[in-house]
Amino acid sequence: QVQLVESGGGLVQAGGSLRLSCAASGSIFSINAMGWYRQAPGKQRELVARVTSGGRINYADSVKGRFTISRDNAKNTVYLEMNSLKPEDTAVYYCNLARGLVPEYYWGQGAQVTVSS
């Protein structure tokens, strides 16, 4: 099994910054990718940013230039630096890990990010 523990959410004013962290533990082998998704009230969960084991990074168009994903392989931790936050970034942010050939997906418990106008 894989456990993902997130931290760093909170309330911030528009234009502010937050940093999310996600630490993975357990059976963390054959990791394909780690990333962040978000889900706003009444909306579907969507990809925010993702980094593969080979270092390839994908961002949602809505966050390009404002958010930065990074990964510390030694700590099995992935980070999401969020700058120039907008009220529309308000959502629960979920850490995601993809493992193995199938692959299997694991999710964190979610971190609330609220951006006030």
C-alpha atoms as a PDB file:
ATOM      1  CA  GLN A   1       0.000   0.000   0.000  1.00  0.00           C
ATOM      2  CA  VAL A   2       0.916   3.632  -0.462  1.00  0.00           C
ATOM      3  CA  GLN A   3       0.188   6.462   1.919  1.00  0.00           C
ATOM      4  CA  LEU A   4       0.166  10.089   0.801  1.00  0.00           C
ATOM      5  CA  VAL A   5       0.161  12.843   3.409  1.00  0.00           C
ATOM      6  CA  GLU A   6      -0.501  16.382   2.247  1.00  0.00           C
ATOM      7  CA  SER A   7       0.179  19.651   4.001  1.00  0.00           C
ATOM      8  CA  GLY A   8       0.218  23.349   3.268  1.00  0.00           C
ATOM      9  CA  GLY A   9      -3.313  24.330   2.322  1.00  0.00           C
ATOM     10  CA  GLY A  10      -5.054  27.358   3.755  1.00  0.00           C
ATOM     11  CA  LEU A  11      -6.679  30.711   3.154  1.00  0.00           C
ATOM     12  CA  VAL A  12      -4.927  33.401   1.155  1.00  0.00           C
ATOM     13  CA  GLN A  13      -5.877  36.633  -0.555  1.00  0.00           C
ATOM     14  CA  ALA A  14      -5.886  36.920  -4.317  1.00  0.00           C
ATOM     15  CA  GLY A  15      -2.374  37.463  -5.600  1.00  0.00           C
ATOM     16  CA  GLY A  16      -0.867  35.555  -2.717  1.00  0.00           C
ATOM     17  CA  SER A  17       1.112  32.334  -2.596  1.00  0.00           C
ATOM     18  CA  LEU A  18       0.866  28.920  -1.003  1.00  0.00           C
ATOM     19  CA  ARG A  19       2.998  25.806  -1.104  1.00  0.00           C
ATOM     20  CA  LEU A  20       1.585  22.313  -0.920  1.00  0.00           C
ATOM     21  CA  SER A  21       3.634  19.269   0.043  1.00  0.00           C
ATOM     22  CA  CYS A  22       2.858  15.594  -0.369  1.00  0.00           C
ATOM     23  CA  ALA A  23       4.986  12.923   1.278  1.00  0.00           C
ATOM     24  CA  ALA A  24       4.688   9.348   0.051  1.00  0.00           C
ATOM     25  CA  SER A  25       5.405   6.289   2.159  1.00  0.00           C
ATOM     26  CA  GLY A  26       4.778   2.553   2.072  1.00  0.00           C
ATOM     27  CA  SER A  27       5.212   0.486  -1.088  1.00  0.00           C
ATOM     28  CA  ILE A  28       6.677   3.318  -3.121  1.00  0.00           C
ATOM     29  CA  PHE A  29       8.347   1.392  -5.906  1.00  0.00           C
ATOM     30  CA  SER A  30       7.853   1.536  -9.678  1.00  0.00           C
ATOM     31  CA  ILE A  31       6.423   5.036  -9.408  1.00  0.00           C
ATOM     32  CA  ASN A  32       5.371   6.347 -12.809  1.00  0.00           C
ATOM     33  CA  ALA A  33       4.334   9.826 -11.803  1.00  0.00           C
ATOM     34  CA  MET A  34       3.240  12.058  -8.964  1.00  0.00           C
ATOM     35  CA  GLY A  35       1.051  15.059  -9.273  1.00  0.00           C
ATOM     36  CA  TRP A  36      -1.703  17.303  -8.052  1.00  0.00           C
ATOM     37  CA  TYR A  37      -5.376  17.410  -8.954  1.00  0.00           C
ATOM     38  CA  ARG A  38      -8.068  19.720  -7.658  1.00  0.00           C
ATOM     39  CA  GLN A  39     -11.804  19.667  -7.263  1.00  0.00           C
ATOM     40  CA  ALA A  40     -13.927  22.751  -6.795  1.00  0.00           C
ATOM     41  CA  PRO A  41     -17.507  22.538  -5.473  1.00  0.00           C
ATOM     42  CA  GLY A  42     -19.841  21.237  -8.145  1.00  0.00           C
ATOM     43  CA  LYS A  43     -17.020  20.514 -10.562  1.00  0.00           C
ATOM     44  CA  GLN A  44     -15.097  17.444 -11.650  1.00  0.00           C
ATOM     45  CA  ARG A  45     -11.630  16.694 -10.389  1.00  0.00           C
ATOM     46  CA  GLU A  46      -9.030  18.063 -12.783  1.00  0.00           C
ATOM     47  CA  LEU A  47      -5.309  17.753 -13.306  1.00  0.00           C
ATOM     48  CA  VAL A  48      -3.275  20.688 -12.033  1.00  0.00           C
ATOM     49  CA  ALA A  49       0.290  19.498 -12.529  1.00  0.00           C
ATOM     50  CA  ARG A  50       2.105  16.200 -12.898  1.00  0.00           C
ATOM     51  CA  VAL A  51       5.733  15.078 -13.002  1.00  0.00           C
ATOM     52  CA  THR A  52       6.779  11.667 -14.330  1.00  0.00           C
ATOM     53  CA  SER A  53       9.615   9.541 -13.059  1.00  0.00           C
ATOM     54  CA  GLY A  54      11.550  10.668 -16.132  1.00  0.00           C
ATOM     55  CA  GLY A  55      11.088  14.307 -15.199  1.00  0.00           C
ATOM     56  CA  ARG A  56       8.449  15.235 -17.765  1.00  0.00           C
ATOM     57  CA  ILE A  57       6.072  17.880 -16.404  1.00  0.00           C
ATOM     58  CA  ASN A  58       2.550  18.758 -17.460  1.00  0.00           C
ATOM     59  CA  TYR A  59       0.476  21.707 -16.276  1.00  0.00           C
ATOM     60  CA  ALA A  60      -3.125  22.640 -16.753  1.00  0.00           C
ATOM     61  CA  ASP A  61      -3.360  25.665 -19.024  1.00  0.00           C
ATOM     62  CA  SER A  62      -5.085  27.609 -16.256  1.00  0.00           C
ATOM     63  CA  VAL A  63      -2.050  27.413 -13.962  1.00  0.00           C
ATOM     64  CA  LYS A  64       0.846  27.677 -16.414  1.00  0.00           C
ATOM     65  CA  GLY A  65       3.229  30.435 -15.419  1.00  0.00           C
ATOM     66  CA  ARG A  66       1.797  30.631 -11.902  1.00  0.00           C
ATOM     67  CA  PHE A  67       2.248  27.151 -10.403  1.00  0.00           C
ATOM     68  CA  THR A  68       5.410  25.083 -10.208  1.00  0.00           C
ATOM     69  CA  ILE A  69       5.593  21.386  -9.414  1.00  0.00           C
ATOM     70  CA  SER A  70       8.779  19.840  -8.098  1.00  0.00           C
ATOM     71  CA  ARG A  71       9.809  16.506  -6.691  1.00  0.00           C
ATOM     72  CA  ASP A  72      12.407  15.449  -4.136  1.00  0.00           C
ATOM     73  CA  ASN A  73      13.089  11.798  -4.904  1.00  0.00           C
ATOM     74  CA  ALA A  74      15.241  11.338  -1.801  1.00  0.00           C
ATOM     75  CA  LYS A  75      12.313  12.398   0.386  1.00  0.00           C
ATOM     76  CA  ASN A  76       9.611  10.837  -1.810  1.00  0.00           C
ATOM     77  CA  THR A  77       7.891  14.187  -1.690  1.00  0.00           C
ATOM     78  CA  VAL A  78       6.233  16.305  -4.348  1.00  0.00           C
ATOM     79  CA  TYR A  79       5.583  20.022  -3.963  1.00  0.00           C
ATOM     80  CA  LEU A  80       3.276  22.507  -5.615  1.00  0.00           C
ATOM     81  CA  GLU A  81       4.312  26.134  -5.417  1.00  0.00           C
ATOM     82  CA  MET A  82       1.309  28.312  -6.196  1.00  0.00           C
ATOM     83  CA  ASN A  83       1.810  31.995  -6.956  1.00  0.00           C
ATOM     84  CA  SER A  84      -0.494  34.775  -8.136  1.00  0.00           C
ATOM     85  CA  LEU A  85      -3.436  32.849  -6.764  1.00  0.00           C
ATOM     86  CA  LYS A  86      -6.904  33.668  -8.036  1.00  0.00           C
ATOM     87  CA  PRO A  87     -10.319  33.054  -6.470  1.00  0.00           C
ATOM     88  CA  GLU A  88     -10.965  30.459  -9.188  1.00  0.00           C
ATOM     89  CA  ASP A  89      -8.069  28.428  -7.786  1.00  0.00           C
ATOM     90  CA  THR A  90     -10.204  27.713  -4.725  1.00  0.00           C
ATOM     91  CA  ALA A  91     -10.606  23.948  -4.450  1.00  0.00           C
ATOM     92  CA  VAL A  92      -9.573  20.856  -2.564  1.00  0.00           C
ATOM     93  CA  TYR A  93      -6.172  19.835  -3.869  1.00  0.00           C
ATOM     94  CA  TYR A  94      -5.360  16.139  -3.993  1.00  0.00           C
ATOM     95  CA  CYS A  95      -1.961  14.544  -4.285  1.00  0.00           C
ATOM     96  CA  ASN A  96      -1.823  11.612  -6.702  1.00  0.00           C
ATOM     97  CA  LEU A  97       0.685   8.828  -7.248  1.00  0.00           C
ATOM     98  CA  ALA A  98       0.665   6.406 -10.186  1.00  0.00           C
ATOM     99  CA  ARG A  99       2.523   3.151  -9.742  1.00  0.00           C
ATOM    100  CA  GLY A 100       3.296   0.106 -11.844  1.00  0.00           C
ATOM    101  CA  LEU A 101       2.453  -1.101 -15.338  1.00  0.00           C
ATOM    102  CA  VAL A 102      -1.355  -1.136 -15.002  1.00  0.00           C
ATOM    103  CA  PRO A 103      -1.002   1.487 -13.328  1.00  0.00           C
ATOM    104  CA  GLU A 104      -2.433   1.785  -9.806  1.00  0.00           C
ATOM    105  CA  TYR A 105      -3.475   5.195  -8.534  1.00  0.00           C
ATOM    106  CA  TYR A 106      -3.305   6.468  -4.981  1.00  0.00           C
ATOM    107  CA  TRP A 107      -4.749   9.654  -3.522  1.00  0.00           C
ATOM    108  CA  GLY A 108      -4.012  11.883  -0.584  1.00  0.00           C
ATOM    109  CA  GLN A 109      -6.692  13.065   1.815  1.00  0.00           C
ATOM    110  CA  GLY A 110      -6.975  16.466   0.185  1.00  0.00           C
ATOM    111  CA  ALA A 111      -5.904  19.958   1.206  1.00  0.00           C
ATOM    112  CA  GLN A 112      -8.308  22.887   1.102  1.00  0.00           C
ATOM    113  CA  VAL A 113      -7.048  25.973  -0.705  1.00  0.00           C
ATOM    114  CA  THR A 114      -9.257  29.049  -0.455  1.00  0.00           C
ATOM    115  CA  VAL A 115      -8.433  32.261  -2.292  1.00  0.00           C
ATOM    116  CA  SER A 116     -10.397  35.336  -1.278  1.00  0.00           C
ATOM    117  CA  SER A 117     -10.989  38.256  -3.608  1.00  0.00           C
END
